[in-house]
């Protein structure tokens, strides 16, 4: 009986070992939880940085502004009169200084466009504008030559009164070009821009007056 009673204290020792294992488990869980929180925090911070970067790029580099076309000056050459009217055997040459202003941070490359001259609502001349490229935040100047056909000018009913009485020709022009803005050599945006102008040519002084222009855009 005495020997049996001496063996019994061994049970609490086994219980004590299990207790040590249970005390170490919460520490490991806390460490894992802390690591998970740090990892999630890093991922969240990276996502925020990426989101802010995208917003900044969209508002700055990726934001494509409208190119602006202007008809700065217009000259008329080889306009000859005979017996108070236009000579039909000599075409009238119109020279226009056209500029393309690109306000974007990327170049604006455009194809050849068209310049059309109207008189009394009728088309009296048309020419192609050359292709080109307006560099980032630069203005490109082009010279456009349009031949006006006198027969078409005289076919407008009001032409005789304008030439003989007023001595002026009121004409309108429309220039349209299409192109694309390429950002970071990857993203492209296609744009069609144009400008409409109204000019008055004085037959006596051979000068252009007015030049009221309104740009228009279509995407």
N, C-alpha and C. Protein backbone atom coordinates (compact mmCIF):
# COMPACT_ATOMS: atom_id res chain seq x y z
N UNK A 1 0.82 -1.19 0.00
CA UNK A 1 0.00 0.00 0.00
C UNK A 1 0.86 1.24 0.00
N UNK A 2 1.95 1.24 0.70
CA UNK A 2 2.81 2.42 0.74
C UNK A 2 3.43 2.70 -0.60
N UNK A 3 3.83 1.64 -1.33
CA UNK A 3 4.43 1.84 -2.64
C UNK A 3 3.42 2.39 -3.63
N UNK A 4 2.16 1.93 -3.48
CA UNK A 4 1.12 2.41 -4.40
C UNK A 4 0.86 3.88 -4.20
N UNK A 5 0.85 4.36 -2.99
CA UNK A 5 0.61 5.78 -2.70
C UNK A 5 1.76 6.64 -3.19
N UNK A 6 2.97 6.11 -3.24
CA UNK A 6 4.09 6.90 -3.71
C UNK A 6 4.08 7.12 -5.23
N UNK A 7 3.37 6.32 -6.00
CA UNK A 7 3.33 6.44 -7.46
C UNK A 7 2.35 7.51 -7.90
N UNK A 8 1.35 7.78 -7.12
CA UNK A 8 0.28 8.69 -7.53
C UNK A 8 0.75 10.11 -7.86
N UNK A 9 1.73 10.69 -7.22
CA UNK A 9 2.13 12.08 -7.56
C UNK A 9 2.65 12.26 -8.98
N UNK A 10 2.87 11.18 -9.71
CA UNK A 10 3.35 11.33 -11.08
C UNK A 10 2.32 11.96 -12.00
N UNK A 11 1.04 11.83 -11.73
CA UNK A 11 -0.02 12.37 -12.59
C UNK A 11 0.04 13.88 -12.71
N UNK A 12 0.19 14.64 -11.67
CA UNK A 12 0.27 16.11 -11.83
C UNK A 12 1.44 16.55 -12.70
N UNK A 13 2.53 15.80 -12.72
CA UNK A 13 3.66 16.17 -13.57
C UNK A 13 3.29 16.12 -15.02
N UNK A 14 2.54 15.08 -15.44
CA UNK A 14 2.06 14.98 -16.83
C UNK A 14 1.13 16.12 -17.15
N UNK A 15 0.26 16.49 -16.22
CA UNK A 15 -0.67 17.61 -16.42
C UNK A 15 0.08 18.92 -16.57
N UNK A 16 1.19 19.05 -15.86
CA UNK A 16 1.99 20.28 -15.94
C UNK A 16 2.61 20.45 -17.32
N UNK A 17 3.02 19.38 -17.99
CA UNK A 17 3.58 19.46 -19.33
C UNK A 17 2.54 19.95 -20.33
N UNK A 18 1.34 19.46 -20.25
CA UNK A 18 0.27 19.91 -21.14
C UNK A 18 -0.06 21.38 -20.90
N UNK A 19 0.05 21.78 -19.68
CA UNK A 19 -0.22 23.19 -19.37
C UNK A 19 0.80 24.10 -20.02
N UNK A 20 2.08 23.71 -20.08
CA UNK A 20 3.11 24.53 -20.73
C UNK A 20 2.84 24.66 -22.22
N UNK A 21 2.39 23.59 -22.84
CA UNK A 21 2.08 23.65 -24.28
C UNK A 21 0.92 24.59 -24.56
N UNK A 22 -0.08 24.58 -23.68
CA UNK A 22 -1.22 25.46 -23.90
C UNK A 22 -0.85 26.92 -23.68
N UNK A 23 0.12 27.19 -22.81
CA UNK A 23 0.53 28.58 -22.59
C UNK A 23 1.31 29.14 -23.76
N UNK A 24 2.05 28.25 -24.47
CA UNK A 24 2.83 28.72 -25.62
C UNK A 24 1.98 28.93 -26.86
N UNK A 25 0.84 28.32 -26.97
CA UNK A 25 -0.01 28.45 -28.16
C UNK A 25 -0.54 29.87 -28.37
N UNK A 26 -1.05 30.58 -27.37
CA UNK A 26 -1.50 31.96 -27.61
C UNK A 26 -0.40 32.87 -28.11
N UNK A 27 0.82 32.69 -27.69
CA UNK A 27 1.93 33.52 -28.15
C UNK A 27 2.15 33.34 -29.65
N UNK A 28 2.09 32.10 -30.12
CA UNK A 28 2.25 31.84 -31.55
C UNK A 28 1.10 32.46 -32.34
N UNK A 29 -0.12 32.34 -31.79
CA UNK A 29 -1.27 32.93 -32.49
C UNK A 29 -1.15 34.45 -32.56
N UNK A 30 -0.68 35.07 -31.48
CA UNK A 30 -0.50 36.51 -31.48
C UNK A 30 0.55 36.93 -32.52
N UNK A 31 1.62 36.13 -32.60
CA UNK A 31 2.67 36.46 -33.58
C UNK A 31 2.14 36.35 -35.01
N UNK A 32 1.39 35.29 -35.27
CA UNK A 32 0.82 35.12 -36.61
C UNK A 32 -0.16 36.24 -36.92
N UNK A 33 -0.99 36.59 -35.93
CA UNK A 33 -1.96 37.66 -36.16
C UNK A 33 -1.26 38.99 -36.42
N UNK A 34 -0.18 39.25 -35.69
CA UNK A 34 0.57 40.49 -35.89
C UNK A 34 1.19 40.52 -37.28
N UNK A 35 1.73 39.39 -37.73
CA UNK A 35 2.31 39.32 -39.07
C UNK A 35 1.25 39.52 -40.15
N UNK A 36 0.06 38.93 -39.92
CA UNK A 36 -1.03 39.11 -40.88
C UNK A 36 -1.46 40.57 -40.98
N UNK A 37 -1.53 41.23 -39.82
CA UNK A 37 -1.91 42.65 -39.81
C UNK A 37 -0.88 43.49 -40.56
N UNK A 38 0.42 43.20 -40.31
CA UNK A 38 1.46 43.94 -41.01
C UNK A 38 1.39 43.71 -42.52
N UNK A 39 1.16 42.45 -42.91
CA UNK A 39 1.07 42.13 -44.34
C UNK A 39 -0.12 42.84 -44.99
N UNK A 40 -1.28 42.80 -44.32
CA UNK A 40 -2.46 43.48 -44.85
C UNK A 40 -2.24 45.00 -44.93
N UNK A 41 -1.55 45.53 -43.92
CA UNK A 41 -1.27 46.97 -43.94
C UNK A 41 -0.37 47.35 -45.12
N UNK A 42 0.64 46.53 -45.38
CA UNK A 42 1.53 46.80 -46.52
C UNK A 42 0.78 46.73 -47.84
N UNK A 43 -0.08 45.71 -47.98
CA UNK A 43 -0.85 45.57 -49.22
C UNK A 43 -1.80 46.75 -49.40
N UNK A 44 -2.46 47.16 -48.31
CA UNK A 44 -3.37 48.31 -48.38
C UNK A 44 -2.62 49.58 -48.76
N UNK A 45 -1.45 49.78 -48.17
CA UNK A 45 -0.65 50.96 -48.50
C UNK A 45 -0.23 50.96 -49.97
N UNK A 46 0.17 49.79 -50.47
CA UNK A 46 0.56 49.70 -51.88
C UNK A 46 -0.62 49.98 -52.79
N UNK A 47 -1.80 49.45 -52.44
CA UNK A 47 -2.99 49.71 -53.25
C UNK A 47 -3.35 51.19 -53.26
N UNK A 48 -3.20 51.83 -52.10
CA UNK A 48 -3.47 53.27 -52.04
C UNK A 48 -2.50 54.06 -52.91
N UNK A 49 -1.22 53.67 -52.86
CA UNK A 49 -0.21 54.36 -53.68
C UNK A 49 -0.52 54.19 -55.16
N UNK A 50 -0.88 52.96 -55.55
CA UNK A 50 -1.22 52.71 -56.96
C UNK A 50 -2.46 53.51 -57.37
N UNK A 51 -3.47 53.56 -56.49
CA UNK A 51 -4.69 54.31 -56.80
C UNK A 51 -4.40 55.80 -56.96
N UNK A 52 -3.61 56.34 -56.05
CA UNK A 52 -3.25 57.77 -56.14
C UNK A 52 -2.46 58.05 -57.41
N UNK A 53 -1.54 57.14 -57.75
CA UNK A 53 -0.74 57.31 -58.96
C UNK A 53 -1.62 57.30 -60.20
N UNK A 54 -2.59 56.38 -60.25
CA UNK A 54 -3.49 56.31 -61.40
C UNK A 54 -4.32 57.59 -61.52
N UNK A 55 -4.82 58.08 -60.38
CA UNK A 55 -5.62 59.32 -60.40
C UNK A 55 -4.80 60.49 -60.90
N UNK A 56 -3.55 60.59 -60.44
CA UNK A 56 -2.67 61.68 -60.87
C UNK A 56 -2.40 61.58 -62.37
N UNK A 57 -2.14 60.37 -62.87
CA UNK A 57 -1.88 60.19 -64.29
C UNK A 57 -3.11 60.52 -65.12
N UNK A 58 -4.29 60.12 -64.64
CA UNK A 58 -5.52 60.42 -65.39
C UNK A 58 -5.76 61.92 -65.46
N UNK A 59 -5.46 62.63 -64.39
CA UNK A 59 -5.70 64.07 -64.36
C UNK A 59 -4.60 64.87 -65.05
N UNK A 60 -3.46 64.27 -65.30
CA UNK A 60 -2.35 65.02 -65.90
C UNK A 60 -1.96 64.43 -67.26
N UNK A 61 -1.18 63.36 -67.23
CA UNK A 61 -0.63 62.80 -68.47
C UNK A 61 -1.71 62.20 -69.35
N UNK A 62 -2.62 61.40 -68.76
CA UNK A 62 -3.63 60.71 -69.54
C UNK A 62 -4.80 61.61 -69.94
N UNK A 63 -4.88 62.82 -69.39
CA UNK A 63 -5.98 63.72 -69.72
C UNK A 63 -5.68 64.42 -71.05
N UNK A 64 -6.41 64.05 -72.07
CA UNK A 64 -6.17 64.59 -73.42
C UNK A 64 -7.03 65.84 -73.62
N UNK A 65 -6.36 66.95 -73.88
CA UNK A 65 -7.05 68.21 -74.16
C UNK A 65 -7.26 68.35 -75.67
N UNK A 66 -8.16 69.22 -76.02
CA UNK A 66 -8.52 69.40 -77.42
C UNK A 66 -7.47 70.24 -78.16
N UNK A 67 -6.86 69.72 -79.22
CA UNK A 67 -6.01 70.57 -80.06
C UNK A 67 -6.84 71.70 -80.68
N UNK A 68 -6.19 72.80 -80.95
CA UNK A 68 -6.88 73.99 -81.46
C UNK A 68 -6.30 74.36 -82.82
N UNK A 69 -7.17 74.51 -83.81
CA UNK A 69 -6.77 74.94 -85.15
C UNK A 69 -7.14 76.42 -85.33
N UNK A 70 -6.22 77.18 -85.87
CA UNK A 70 -6.48 78.60 -86.14
C UNK A 70 -6.07 78.92 -87.57
N UNK A 71 -6.86 79.79 -88.19
CA UNK A 71 -6.47 80.35 -89.48
C UNK A 71 -5.98 81.77 -89.21
N UNK A 72 -4.66 81.91 -89.16
CA UNK A 72 -4.06 83.17 -88.71
C UNK A 72 -4.16 84.28 -89.75
N UNK A 73 -3.76 83.98 -90.97
CA UNK A 73 -3.80 84.99 -92.04
C UNK A 73 -4.26 84.36 -93.35
N UNK A 74 -4.90 85.19 -94.14
CA UNK A 74 -5.39 84.74 -95.45
C UNK A 74 -4.99 85.76 -96.49
N UNK A 75 -4.42 85.28 -97.59
CA UNK A 75 -4.04 86.13 -98.70
C UNK A 75 -4.74 85.65 -99.97
N UNK A 76 -5.11 86.60 -100.81
CA UNK A 76 -5.73 86.27 -102.10
C UNK A 76 -4.82 86.77 -103.21
N UNK A 77 -4.49 85.87 -104.13
CA UNK A 77 -3.62 86.22 -105.26
C UNK A 77 -4.32 85.90 -106.58
N UNK A 78 -3.87 86.55 -107.61
CA UNK A 78 -4.32 86.29 -108.98
C UNK A 78 -5.83 86.46 -109.14
N UNK A 79 -6.38 87.42 -108.39
CA UNK A 79 -7.78 87.75 -108.62
C UNK A 79 -7.82 88.92 -109.59
N UNK A 80 -8.31 88.69 -110.80
CA UNK A 80 -8.30 89.70 -111.84
C UNK A 80 -9.72 89.99 -112.31
N UNK A 81 -9.96 91.28 -112.55
CA UNK A 81 -11.27 91.74 -113.00
C UNK A 81 -11.20 92.14 -114.46
N UNK A 82 -12.34 91.98 -115.15
CA UNK A 82 -12.47 92.41 -116.55
C UNK A 82 -13.91 92.86 -116.77
N UNK A 83 -14.05 94.13 -117.15
CA UNK A 83 -15.38 94.72 -117.37
C UNK A 83 -16.24 94.65 -116.10
N UNK A 84 -15.62 94.90 -114.99
CA UNK A 84 -16.35 94.95 -113.73
C UNK A 84 -16.74 93.60 -113.17
N UNK A 85 -16.17 92.53 -113.67
CA UNK A 85 -16.47 91.20 -113.14
C UNK A 85 -15.20 90.36 -113.14
N UNK A 86 -15.30 89.17 -112.60
CA UNK A 86 -14.13 88.29 -112.52
C UNK A 86 -13.82 87.66 -113.86
N UNK A 87 -12.55 87.52 -114.13
CA UNK A 87 -12.14 86.78 -115.32
C UNK A 87 -12.31 85.29 -115.06
N UNK A 88 -12.97 84.61 -115.95
CA UNK A 88 -13.25 83.19 -115.75
C UNK A 88 -12.11 82.29 -116.22
N UNK A 89 -11.13 82.86 -116.91
CA UNK A 89 -10.04 82.03 -117.43
C UNK A 89 -8.84 82.00 -116.48
N UNK A 90 -8.92 82.68 -115.34
CA UNK A 90 -7.82 82.70 -114.38
C UNK A 90 -8.38 82.34 -113.01
N UNK A 91 -7.87 81.27 -112.44
CA UNK A 91 -8.32 80.87 -111.09
C UNK A 91 -7.78 81.82 -110.04
N UNK A 92 -8.57 82.02 -109.01
CA UNK A 92 -8.17 82.84 -107.87
C UNK A 92 -7.45 81.95 -106.86
N UNK A 93 -6.28 82.40 -106.43
CA UNK A 93 -5.50 81.62 -105.47
C UNK A 93 -5.63 82.21 -104.08
N UNK A 94 -6.00 81.37 -103.14
CA UNK A 94 -6.14 81.79 -101.74
C UNK A 94 -5.07 81.09 -100.93
N UNK A 95 -4.27 81.86 -100.21
CA UNK A 95 -3.21 81.32 -99.34
C UNK A 95 -3.60 81.54 -97.89
N UNK A 96 -3.53 80.49 -97.11
CA UNK A 96 -3.92 80.57 -95.71
C UNK A 96 -2.80 80.06 -94.81
N UNK A 97 -2.56 80.78 -93.73
CA UNK A 97 -1.62 80.35 -92.70
C UNK A 97 -2.43 79.69 -91.60
N UNK A 98 -2.32 78.36 -91.51
CA UNK A 98 -3.09 77.57 -90.55
C UNK A 98 -2.13 77.02 -89.49
N UNK A 99 -2.54 77.13 -88.24
CA UNK A 99 -1.72 76.61 -87.14
C UNK A 99 -2.50 75.58 -86.33
N UNK A 100 -1.78 74.58 -85.83
CA UNK A 100 -2.35 73.53 -84.98
C UNK A 100 -1.64 73.60 -83.64
N UNK A 101 -2.37 73.96 -82.59
CA UNK A 101 -1.80 74.06 -81.25
C UNK A 101 -2.14 72.80 -80.47
N UNK A 102 -1.09 72.15 -79.95
CA UNK A 102 -1.27 70.91 -79.19
C UNK A 102 -0.95 71.18 -77.72
N UNK A 103 -1.97 71.21 -76.84
CA UNK A 103 -1.72 71.49 -75.42
C UNK A 103 -1.40 70.26 -74.59
N UNK A 104 -1.28 69.10 -75.22
CA UNK A 104 -1.11 67.85 -74.49
C UNK A 104 0.36 67.56 -74.21
N UNK A 105 0.58 66.62 -73.28
CA UNK A 105 1.94 66.20 -72.94
C UNK A 105 2.46 65.15 -73.90
N UNK A 106 1.66 64.76 -74.89
CA UNK A 106 2.07 63.82 -75.93
C UNK A 106 1.83 64.47 -77.29
N UNK A 107 2.53 63.98 -78.31
CA UNK A 107 2.42 64.55 -79.65
C UNK A 107 1.07 64.23 -80.28
N UNK A 108 0.63 65.12 -81.16
CA UNK A 108 -0.62 64.95 -81.90
C UNK A 108 -0.27 64.77 -83.37
N UNK A 109 -0.41 63.53 -83.85
CA UNK A 109 -0.09 63.20 -85.23
C UNK A 109 -1.37 63.14 -86.04
N UNK A 110 -1.42 63.90 -87.12
CA UNK A 110 -2.65 63.96 -87.90
C UNK A 110 -2.38 63.66 -89.38
N UNK A 111 -3.42 63.18 -90.03
CA UNK A 111 -3.36 62.86 -91.45
C UNK A 111 -3.70 64.11 -92.26
N UNK A 112 -3.62 63.99 -93.57
CA UNK A 112 -3.98 65.13 -94.39
C UNK A 112 -5.47 65.42 -94.23
N UNK A 113 -5.80 66.70 -94.19
CA UNK A 113 -7.18 67.12 -94.03
C UNK A 113 -7.69 67.86 -95.24
N UNK A 114 -8.76 68.59 -95.05
CA UNK A 114 -9.37 69.33 -96.15
C UNK A 114 -9.70 70.75 -95.70
N UNK A 115 -9.52 71.66 -96.63
CA UNK A 115 -9.94 73.06 -96.44
C UNK A 115 -10.91 73.39 -97.56
N UNK A 116 -12.11 73.80 -97.19
CA UNK A 116 -13.16 74.09 -98.16
C UNK A 116 -13.56 75.55 -98.04
N UNK A 117 -13.70 76.22 -99.19
CA UNK A 117 -14.10 77.62 -99.23
C UNK A 117 -15.54 77.70 -99.77
N UNK A 118 -16.36 78.45 -99.03
CA UNK A 118 -17.77 78.63 -99.40
C UNK A 118 -18.04 80.10 -99.73
N UNK A 119 -18.88 80.29 -100.74
CA UNK A 119 -19.34 81.65 -101.06
C UNK A 119 -20.83 81.56 -101.38
N UNK A 120 -21.62 82.26 -100.59
CA UNK A 120 -23.06 82.19 -100.76
C UNK A 120 -23.62 80.80 -100.52
N UNK A 121 -22.97 80.03 -99.66
CA UNK A 121 -23.42 78.68 -99.35
C UNK A 121 -22.97 77.63 -100.34
N UNK A 122 -22.29 78.03 -101.40
CA UNK A 122 -21.81 77.08 -102.41
C UNK A 122 -20.32 76.87 -102.28
N UNK A 123 -19.87 75.67 -102.60
CA UNK A 123 -18.43 75.35 -102.56
C UNK A 123 -17.77 75.94 -103.80
N UNK A 124 -16.79 76.82 -103.60
CA UNK A 124 -16.10 77.46 -104.72
C UNK A 124 -14.63 77.07 -104.79
N UNK A 125 -14.15 76.31 -103.81
CA UNK A 125 -12.75 75.87 -103.82
C UNK A 125 -12.50 74.87 -102.71
N UNK A 126 -11.57 73.96 -102.97
CA UNK A 126 -11.24 72.94 -101.98
C UNK A 126 -9.82 72.47 -102.19
N UNK A 127 -9.13 72.20 -101.09
CA UNK A 127 -7.74 71.73 -101.17
C UNK A 127 -7.45 70.85 -99.97
N UNK A 128 -6.38 70.05 -100.10
CA UNK A 128 -5.93 69.17 -99.02
C UNK A 128 -4.90 69.88 -98.17
N UNK A 129 -5.02 69.71 -96.86
CA UNK A 129 -3.99 70.21 -95.95
C UNK A 129 -2.97 69.11 -95.73
N UNK A 130 -1.70 69.43 -95.64
CA UNK A 130 -0.67 68.39 -95.52
C UNK A 130 -0.72 67.69 -94.17
N UNK A 131 -0.31 66.42 -94.11
CA UNK A 131 -0.21 65.73 -92.82
C UNK A 131 0.96 66.28 -92.03
N UNK A 132 0.94 66.03 -90.74
CA UNK A 132 2.03 66.52 -89.90
C UNK A 132 1.90 66.03 -88.48
N UNK A 133 2.73 66.57 -87.63
CA UNK A 133 2.73 66.20 -86.22
C UNK A 133 3.05 67.43 -85.38
N UNK A 134 2.14 67.76 -84.49
CA UNK A 134 2.36 68.84 -83.53
C UNK A 134 2.94 68.23 -82.26
N UNK A 135 4.15 68.63 -81.93
CA UNK A 135 4.82 68.07 -80.76
C UNK A 135 4.11 68.50 -79.48
N UNK A 136 4.49 67.84 -78.39
CA UNK A 136 3.85 68.10 -77.11
C UNK A 136 4.01 69.57 -76.73
N UNK A 137 2.86 70.19 -76.43
CA UNK A 137 2.79 71.59 -76.00
C UNK A 137 3.50 72.52 -76.99
N UNK A 138 3.33 72.26 -78.28
CA UNK A 138 3.89 73.09 -79.33
C UNK A 138 2.81 73.45 -80.34
N UNK A 139 3.11 74.44 -81.17
CA UNK A 139 2.20 74.89 -82.22
C UNK A 139 2.86 74.69 -83.58
N UNK A 140 2.17 74.02 -84.47
CA UNK A 140 2.68 73.74 -85.80
C UNK A 140 1.97 74.64 -86.81
N UNK A 141 2.75 75.30 -87.67
CA UNK A 141 2.19 76.18 -88.71
C UNK A 141 2.25 75.48 -90.06
N UNK A 142 1.19 75.67 -90.84
CA UNK A 142 1.11 75.08 -92.18
C UNK A 142 0.61 76.13 -93.16
N UNK A 143 1.07 76.03 -94.39
CA UNK A 143 0.58 76.88 -95.47
C UNK A 143 -0.35 76.07 -96.37
N UNK A 144 -1.55 76.57 -96.56
CA UNK A 144 -2.55 75.88 -97.36
C UNK A 144 -2.90 76.77 -98.56
N UNK A 145 -2.85 76.18 -99.76
CA UNK A 145 -3.17 76.90 -100.99
C UNK A 145 -4.45 76.32 -101.58
N UNK A 146 -5.42 77.21 -101.81
CA UNK A 146 -6.71 76.81 -102.36
C UNK A 146 -6.97 77.61 -103.63
N UNK A 147 -7.30 76.90 -104.70
CA UNK A 147 -7.67 77.55 -105.96
C UNK A 147 -9.18 77.74 -106.01
N UNK A 148 -9.60 79.00 -106.10
CA UNK A 148 -11.02 79.31 -106.23
C UNK A 148 -11.37 79.40 -107.71
N UNK A 149 -12.47 78.78 -108.10
CA UNK A 149 -12.89 78.75 -109.50
C UNK A 149 -13.84 79.93 -109.74
N UNK A 150 -13.44 80.89 -110.58
CA UNK A 150 -14.29 82.07 -110.82
C UNK A 150 -15.68 81.72 -111.34
N UNK A 151 -15.77 80.68 -112.18
CA UNK A 151 -17.09 80.31 -112.71
C UNK A 151 -18.05 79.94 -111.59
N UNK A 152 -17.54 79.27 -110.56
CA UNK A 152 -18.40 78.93 -109.43
C UNK A 152 -18.74 80.16 -108.60
N UNK A 153 -17.80 81.10 -108.50
CA UNK A 153 -18.09 82.34 -107.79
C UNK A 153 -19.19 83.13 -108.50
N UNK A 154 -19.09 83.22 -109.82
CA UNK A 154 -20.08 83.98 -110.59
C UNK A 154 -21.42 83.27 -110.67
N UNK A 155 -21.42 81.95 -110.39
CA UNK A 155 -22.69 81.21 -110.42
C UNK A 155 -23.57 81.54 -109.22
N UNK A 156 -23.00 82.14 -108.19
CA UNK A 156 -23.80 82.55 -107.02
C UNK A 156 -24.60 83.79 -107.41
N UNK A 157 -25.91 83.81 -107.19
CA UNK A 157 -26.76 84.92 -107.63
C UNK A 157 -26.32 86.29 -107.14
N UNK A 158 -25.79 86.38 -105.94
CA UNK A 158 -25.44 87.68 -105.38
C UNK A 158 -24.07 88.17 -105.81
N UNK A 159 -23.34 87.39 -106.58
CA UNK A 159 -21.96 87.74 -106.93
C UNK A 159 -21.87 89.07 -107.68
N UNK A 160 -22.79 89.33 -108.62
CA UNK A 160 -22.71 90.56 -109.41
C UNK A 160 -22.91 91.79 -108.53
N UNK A 161 -23.86 91.72 -107.59
CA UNK A 161 -24.07 92.86 -106.70
C UNK A 161 -22.91 93.04 -105.74
N UNK A 162 -22.34 91.94 -105.28
CA UNK A 162 -21.21 92.05 -104.36
C UNK A 162 -19.99 92.67 -105.06
N UNK A 163 -19.75 92.27 -106.30
CA UNK A 163 -18.56 92.76 -107.01
C UNK A 163 -18.74 94.19 -107.48
N UNK A 164 -19.89 94.51 -108.09
CA UNK A 164 -20.08 95.83 -108.71
C UNK A 164 -20.54 96.87 -107.70
N UNK A 165 -21.38 96.48 -106.78
CA UNK A 165 -21.92 97.48 -105.85
C UNK A 165 -21.07 97.58 -104.58
N UNK A 166 -20.96 96.50 -103.86
CA UNK A 166 -20.22 96.53 -102.58
C UNK A 166 -18.72 96.47 -102.79
N UNK A 167 -18.28 95.84 -103.85
CA UNK A 167 -16.84 95.69 -104.08
C UNK A 167 -16.19 94.74 -103.11
N UNK A 168 -16.97 93.82 -102.54
CA UNK A 168 -16.44 92.89 -101.56
C UNK A 168 -17.01 91.49 -101.79
N UNK A 169 -16.23 90.51 -101.38
CA UNK A 169 -16.67 89.12 -101.42
C UNK A 169 -16.59 88.55 -100.01
N UNK A 170 -17.75 88.15 -99.49
CA UNK A 170 -17.81 87.55 -98.16
C UNK A 170 -17.76 86.03 -98.31
N UNK A 171 -16.71 85.44 -97.81
CA UNK A 171 -16.50 83.99 -97.94
C UNK A 171 -16.29 83.36 -96.57
N UNK A 172 -16.57 82.08 -96.51
CA UNK A 172 -16.32 81.29 -95.29
C UNK A 172 -15.43 80.11 -95.65
N UNK A 173 -14.64 79.69 -94.69
CA UNK A 173 -13.74 78.56 -94.88
C UNK A 173 -13.93 77.55 -93.76
N UNK A 174 -13.69 76.30 -94.08
CA UNK A 174 -13.78 75.22 -93.10
C UNK A 174 -12.57 74.30 -93.28
N UNK A 175 -11.81 74.16 -92.21
CA UNK A 175 -10.64 73.28 -92.21
C UNK A 175 -10.85 72.18 -91.19
N UNK A 176 -10.70 70.93 -91.63
CA UNK A 176 -10.92 69.78 -90.75
C UNK A 176 -9.73 68.82 -90.89
N UNK A 177 -9.20 68.40 -89.78
CA UNK A 177 -8.13 67.41 -89.77
C UNK A 177 -8.45 66.35 -88.71
N UNK A 178 -7.95 65.16 -88.91
CA UNK A 178 -8.15 64.06 -87.96
C UNK A 178 -6.79 63.47 -87.60
N UNK A 179 -6.66 63.07 -86.37
CA UNK A 179 -5.39 62.50 -85.92
C UNK A 179 -5.56 61.78 -84.60
N UNK A 180 -4.44 61.50 -83.97
CA UNK A 180 -4.47 60.76 -82.71
C UNK A 180 -3.37 61.26 -81.79
N UNK A 181 -3.67 61.18 -80.51
CA UNK A 181 -2.70 61.49 -79.46
C UNK A 181 -2.30 60.17 -78.82
N UNK A 182 -1.01 59.86 -78.86
CA UNK A 182 -0.51 58.61 -78.30
C UNK A 182 0.22 58.91 -76.99
N UNK A 183 -0.23 58.25 -75.92
CA UNK A 183 0.34 58.48 -74.59
C UNK A 183 1.17 57.27 -74.20
N UNK A 184 2.43 57.53 -73.83
CA UNK A 184 3.37 56.48 -73.41
C UNK A 184 3.49 55.37 -74.45
N UNK A 185 3.30 55.73 -75.73
CA UNK A 185 3.43 54.79 -76.86
C UNK A 185 2.47 53.60 -76.74
N UNK A 186 1.46 53.75 -75.92
CA UNK A 186 0.53 52.63 -75.71
C UNK A 186 -0.92 53.06 -75.89
N UNK A 187 -1.34 54.09 -75.17
CA UNK A 187 -2.72 54.53 -75.20
C UNK A 187 -2.92 55.54 -76.33
N UNK A 188 -4.00 55.37 -77.09
CA UNK A 188 -4.29 56.24 -78.22
C UNK A 188 -5.68 56.84 -78.06
N UNK A 189 -5.80 58.09 -78.49
CA UNK A 189 -7.10 58.73 -78.53
C UNK A 189 -7.23 59.44 -79.88
N UNK A 190 -8.27 59.06 -80.62
CA UNK A 190 -8.49 59.63 -81.94
C UNK A 190 -9.38 60.87 -81.84
N UNK A 191 -8.98 61.92 -82.55
CA UNK A 191 -9.66 63.20 -82.45
C UNK A 191 -9.84 63.78 -83.86
N UNK A 192 -10.97 64.41 -84.08
CA UNK A 192 -11.23 65.16 -85.30
C UNK A 192 -11.49 66.61 -84.89
N UNK A 193 -10.67 67.53 -85.38
CA UNK A 193 -10.79 68.94 -85.01
C UNK A 193 -10.91 69.77 -86.28
N UNK A 194 -11.47 70.95 -86.12
CA UNK A 194 -11.64 71.82 -87.28
C UNK A 194 -11.86 73.25 -86.85
N UNK A 195 -11.95 74.13 -87.83
CA UNK A 195 -12.19 75.55 -87.58
C UNK A 195 -12.97 76.13 -88.75
N UNK A 196 -13.94 76.96 -88.44
CA UNK A 196 -14.74 77.67 -89.44
C UNK A 196 -14.43 79.16 -89.34
N UNK A 197 -14.14 79.79 -90.47
CA UNK A 197 -13.79 81.20 -90.48
C UNK A 197 -14.64 81.94 -91.51
N UNK A 198 -14.88 83.21 -91.22
CA UNK A 198 -15.58 84.11 -92.14
C UNK A 198 -14.66 85.28 -92.46
N UNK A 199 -14.42 85.51 -93.73
CA UNK A 199 -13.52 86.58 -94.17
C UNK A 199 -14.21 87.40 -95.26
N UNK A 200 -13.76 88.64 -95.38
CA UNK A 200 -14.27 89.55 -96.41
C UNK A 200 -13.11 90.06 -97.24
N UNK A 201 -13.19 89.85 -98.54
CA UNK A 201 -12.13 90.31 -99.44
C UNK A 201 -12.58 91.58 -100.15
N UNK A 202 -11.78 92.65 -99.98
CA UNK A 202 -12.07 93.93 -100.62
C UNK A 202 -11.39 93.96 -101.99
N UNK A 203 -12.20 94.11 -103.05
CA UNK A 203 -11.65 94.05 -104.40
C UNK A 203 -10.77 95.25 -104.72
N UNK A 204 -11.07 96.40 -104.14
CA UNK A 204 -10.31 97.61 -104.45
C UNK A 204 -8.94 97.59 -103.77
N UNK A 205 -8.91 97.31 -102.47
CA UNK A 205 -7.66 97.32 -101.72
C UNK A 205 -6.93 95.99 -101.77
N UNK A 206 -7.62 94.94 -102.26
CA UNK A 206 -7.05 93.60 -102.30
C UNK A 206 -6.59 93.13 -100.91
N UNK A 207 -7.38 93.44 -99.91
CA UNK A 207 -7.07 93.05 -98.55
C UNK A 207 -8.20 92.21 -97.96
N UNK A 208 -7.80 91.38 -96.99
CA UNK A 208 -8.75 90.53 -96.28
C UNK A 208 -9.12 91.21 -94.97
N UNK A 209 -10.42 91.29 -94.71
CA UNK A 209 -10.91 91.86 -93.46
C UNK A 209 -11.68 90.79 -92.69
N UNK A 210 -11.82 91.04 -91.40
CA UNK A 210 -12.60 90.11 -90.57
C UNK A 210 -11.72 89.00 -90.02
N UNK A 211 -11.96 87.79 -90.48
CA UNK A 211 -11.22 86.65 -89.95
C UNK A 211 -11.82 86.11 -88.67
N UNK A 212 -13.15 86.18 -88.57
CA UNK A 212 -13.83 85.64 -87.39
C UNK A 212 -13.86 84.12 -87.47
N UNK A 213 -13.17 83.46 -86.55
CA UNK A 213 -13.04 82.00 -86.60
C UNK A 213 -13.62 81.37 -85.35
N UNK A 214 -14.23 80.20 -85.53
CA UNK A 214 -14.78 79.44 -84.43
C UNK A 214 -14.32 77.99 -84.56
N UNK A 215 -13.55 77.51 -83.60
CA UNK A 215 -13.11 76.11 -83.65
C UNK A 215 -14.26 75.17 -83.29
N UNK A 216 -14.22 73.99 -83.84
CA UNK A 216 -15.18 72.96 -83.49
C UNK A 216 -14.44 71.64 -83.38
N UNK A 217 -14.99 70.72 -82.61
CA UNK A 217 -14.32 69.46 -82.31
C UNK A 217 -15.32 68.32 -82.29
N UNK A 218 -14.85 67.19 -82.80
CA UNK A 218 -15.66 65.97 -82.76
C UNK A 218 -14.76 64.81 -82.44
N UNK A 219 -15.13 64.04 -81.38
CA UNK A 219 -14.32 62.89 -80.94
C UNK A 219 -14.99 61.61 -81.36
